[in-house]
Structures are given as structure tokens and as C-alpha cells.
Amino acid sequence: MSEKTVIQRYLTALGDQDWAALEKVYAPDVTMYAPTAWGVKGVEFLLKFCQEIHRAHPGIRVVLHDEFYSADGTRAAFRFALHWHNTGPYFGHAATGERGSSIEQHTVRIEGGRIVEQVVGVSTLGLHFLQKEAWGVAYVADAADPAPEIVSAPRAAEAGRP
């Protein structure tokens, strides 16, 4: 059997609630950019966040669907699904009994085999809708992407088009 990739180790540790393994996947000063926490630094926050997800959704299932790496191995993108049922409290918010699946895309920067930056993108908002609407968790309203621009196209109005 071949060795697991960084992303496979991350999702296996997340799904298995293996906090020691999860901590080893992240650099101590990792930065996360997510809808509910933009630019948060430190592995301690990420571990607490993941533990709260499991506390709120006992039995949550994590399934990796795609993963891609840059040629030099310093960047990765992946897509996975979370199958959840909210039966526990989440950061002090009462359980709602809601259930569903969420599909997420993440990009990460990797240094020395560890994740140093993680940007979270969510394509189905079931879990995040629950966090925002039922629990009133604040979302980032205006956030700049942490990566430099590769290509930028002018808005139609700025290019002289209606």
C-alpha cells in the first residue's frame, strides 16, 4: 500500500478524530481562511474547531472525492463531502436536529510536508447555513483573497461596457 498524501492524512485524521495526527498535518502557525473564520492563525484554533464539529455532529462522515497537487508539491486542491446530523451543541449553540451533506473545496499551501495555509470554499451550504441562520454564527462579509492575483479582468463597467 502506498503512503497517504498530506490531504489523505488530513481527512483521515479529521474523520477518525485523531487529534494528534491532525496536529502533525498542520504547521504550528498555520493560517485558515474560512467563511466563519478569516485569517485565523494557529493549530490550536483548528483543532478546537474540528473538535466542535465532531461534538455537534457525532458520527459525521468525511469522504474525499478529488485531490490535485502542483508540480512542485507546494500547493494542493481537494474536494470532499461531509455527511452530518446535528445532535450536539456547537460553540454553545443548541443542537437543531438538522441533517445533510456539504461539499467543500479547499486549497492549501504546503511546506515541509505540513499545511501552512488553508482556504476553505463551500459549494453546498447546508452545514454553513445551519451555523449562520440557526446559530447566528457571523460570516466574513468582505474578505480579500490571501493569494496574489494570477489574472485579473476589468469589470464590464470599467471596460466601457454596460
Protein backbone atom coordinates (compact mmCIF):
# COMPACT_ATOMS: atom_id res chain seq x y z
CA MET A 1 0.00 0.00 0.00
CA SER A 2 1.35 3.44 -0.91
CA GLU A 3 1.88 6.19 1.63
CA LYS A 4 -1.03 8.59 2.14
CA THR A 5 -0.80 12.12 0.80
CA VAL A 6 -0.96 15.16 3.06
CA ILE A 7 -4.63 15.64 2.13
CA GLN A 8 -5.47 11.98 2.75
CA ARG A 9 -3.75 12.16 6.15
CA TYR A 10 -5.68 15.36 6.94
CA LEU A 11 -9.10 13.94 6.06
CA THR A 12 -8.43 10.57 7.70
CA ALA A 13 -7.37 12.29 10.93
CA LEU A 14 -10.39 14.61 10.76
CA GLY A 15 -12.82 11.75 10.18
CA ASP A 16 -11.24 9.50 12.83
CA GLN A 17 -10.99 12.32 15.40
CA ASP A 18 -7.26 11.60 15.66
CA TRP A 19 -6.26 14.98 17.05
CA ALA A 20 -2.56 14.07 17.45
CA ALA A 21 -2.36 13.04 13.77
CA LEU A 22 -4.28 16.16 12.72
CA GLU A 23 -1.89 18.35 14.66
CA LYS A 24 1.05 16.75 12.79
CA VAL A 25 -0.53 17.59 9.42
CA TYR A 26 -0.58 21.31 10.24
CA ALA A 27 2.31 23.70 10.82
CA PRO A 28 2.03 25.25 14.32
CA ASP A 29 1.43 28.74 12.84
CA VAL A 30 -0.99 27.63 10.07
CA THR A 31 -3.42 30.28 8.79
CA MET A 32 -7.02 29.39 7.88
CA TYR A 33 -9.36 31.38 5.66
CA ALA A 34 -12.94 30.12 6.02
CA PRO A 35 -16.43 31.65 5.84
CA THR A 36 -16.71 31.69 9.63
CA ALA A 37 -13.07 32.45 10.47
CA TRP A 38 -10.97 34.55 8.10
CA GLY A 39 -7.21 34.75 8.61
CA VAL A 40 -7.20 32.83 11.90
CA LYS A 41 -3.71 31.66 12.89
CA GLY A 42 -2.54 28.67 14.87
CA VAL A 43 -3.10 24.95 15.01
CA GLU A 44 -4.84 25.27 18.40
CA PHE A 45 -7.79 27.07 16.79
CA LEU A 46 -8.06 24.47 14.01
CA LEU A 47 -8.04 21.58 16.48
CA LYS A 48 -10.73 23.21 18.64
CA PHE A 49 -12.82 23.97 15.55
CA CYS A 50 -12.60 20.35 14.33
CA GLN A 51 -13.42 19.03 17.81
CA GLU A 52 -16.51 21.27 17.95
CA ILE A 53 -17.66 20.00 14.55
CA HIS A 54 -17.48 16.42 15.89
CA ARG A 55 -19.17 17.34 19.18
CA ALA A 56 -22.04 18.94 17.26
CA HIS A 57 -22.25 16.14 14.69
CA PRO A 58 -21.37 12.80 16.33
CA GLY A 59 -20.76 10.23 13.62
CA ILE A 60 -20.01 12.82 10.92
CA ARG A 61 -18.62 11.07 7.84
CA VAL A 62 -15.84 12.57 5.74
CA VAL A 63 -15.36 11.42 2.12
CA LEU A 64 -12.55 12.59 -0.19
CA HIS A 65 -13.58 12.86 -3.85
CA ASP A 66 -10.72 14.73 -5.61
CA GLU A 67 -7.22 15.91 -4.85
CA PHE A 68 -4.70 17.70 -7.05
CA TYR A 69 -1.15 18.89 -6.38
CA SER A 70 1.07 21.46 -8.05
CA ALA A 71 4.10 20.04 -9.85
CA ASP A 72 6.41 21.10 -7.02
CA GLY A 73 4.07 19.76 -4.31
CA THR A 74 3.72 23.10 -2.51
CA ARG A 75 0.03 23.55 -3.29
CA ALA A 76 -2.95 21.22 -3.28
CA ALA A 77 -6.65 21.48 -4.03
CA PHE A 78 -9.21 18.94 -2.93
CA ARG A 79 -12.95 18.32 -2.78
CA PHE A 80 -14.67 16.33 -0.08
CA ALA A 81 -18.11 15.72 1.38
CA LEU A 82 -19.30 15.89 4.97
CA HIS A 83 -22.36 13.82 5.82
CA TRP A 84 -23.69 15.16 9.13
CA HIS A 85 -26.52 15.14 11.66
CA ASN A 86 -26.56 17.93 14.24
CA THR A 87 -27.39 16.31 17.58
CA GLY A 88 -24.93 18.13 19.83
CA PRO A 89 -24.10 21.71 20.80
CA TYR A 90 -21.83 23.83 18.59
CA PHE A 91 -19.78 26.53 20.33
CA GLY A 92 -22.57 26.96 22.88
CA HIS A 93 -25.42 26.84 20.36
CA ALA A 94 -28.14 24.23 20.92
CA ALA A 95 -28.50 21.24 18.62
CA THR A 96 -31.13 21.61 15.90
CA GLY A 97 -31.56 18.01 14.75
CA GLU A 98 -30.84 19.10 11.16
CA ARG A 99 -29.02 16.67 8.90
CA GLY A 100 -27.47 16.89 5.48
CA SER A 101 -24.38 16.75 3.32
CA SER A 102 -21.96 19.53 2.47
CA ILE A 103 -19.44 19.51 -0.34
CA GLU A 104 -16.35 21.62 0.21
CA GLN A 105 -13.35 22.61 -1.86
CA HIS A 106 -10.17 23.60 -0.10
CA THR A 107 -6.80 24.81 -1.30
CA VAL A 108 -3.71 24.51 0.84
CA ARG A 109 -0.11 25.64 0.79
CA ILE A 110 2.35 23.01 1.97
CA GLU A 111 5.84 23.48 3.42
CA GLY A 112 7.95 20.63 4.75
CA GLY A 113 5.07 18.18 4.35
CA ARG A 114 2.71 20.26 6.54
CA ILE A 115 -0.20 22.55 5.75
CA VAL A 116 0.77 26.18 6.40
CA GLU A 117 -2.27 27.84 4.83
CA GLN A 118 -5.79 26.57 4.15
CA VAL A 119 -8.50 28.36 2.17
CA VAL A 120 -11.99 26.90 2.52
CA GLY A 121 -14.59 27.14 -0.22
CA VAL A 122 -18.07 25.68 0.25
CA SER A 123 -20.32 24.73 -2.66
CA THR A 124 -23.33 23.39 -0.78
CA LEU A 125 -24.23 25.48 2.19
CA GLY A 126 -26.31 23.10 4.33
CA LEU A 127 -23.99 22.95 7.34
CA HIS A 128 -22.89 26.55 6.95
CA PHE A 129 -26.48 27.73 6.57
CA LEU A 130 -27.24 25.98 9.85
CA GLN A 131 -24.29 27.72 11.50
CA LYS A 132 -25.29 31.12 10.19
CA GLU A 133 -29.08 31.01 10.38
CA ALA A 134 -29.91 28.75 13.31
CA TRP A 135 -26.89 29.52 15.45
CA GLY A 136 -26.22 33.08 14.36
CA VAL A 137 -22.52 32.47 13.68
CA ALA A 138 -21.12 35.55 11.96
CA TYR A 139 -19.78 35.12 8.43
CA VAL A 140 -17.00 37.15 6.92
CA ALA A 141 -18.74 39.80 4.79
CA ASP A 142 -15.80 41.28 2.89
CA ALA A 143 -12.56 39.35 2.55
CA ALA A 144 -9.55 39.72 0.30
CA ASP A 145 -8.07 36.52 -1.10
CA PRO A 146 -4.71 35.84 0.60
CA ALA A 147 -3.00 34.71 -2.63
CA PRO A 148 -1.57 37.09 -5.22
CA GLU A 149 -3.63 37.66 -8.36
CA ILE A 150 -2.70 35.46 -11.31
CA VAL A 151 -5.09 37.07 -13.82
CA SER A 152 -7.44 39.99 -13.32
CA ALA A 153 -10.13 41.07 -15.76
CA PRO A 154 -11.76 44.50 -15.53
CA ARG A 155 -15.41 44.71 -14.58
CA ALA A 156 -17.72 45.35 -17.54
CA ALA A 157 -18.46 48.93 -16.40
CA GLU A 158 -14.75 49.73 -16.02
CA ALA A 159 -14.08 48.36 -19.52
CA GLY A 160 -16.68 50.71 -21.01
CA ARG A 161 -19.44 48.08 -21.28
CA PRO A 162 -22.86 48.35 -19.61
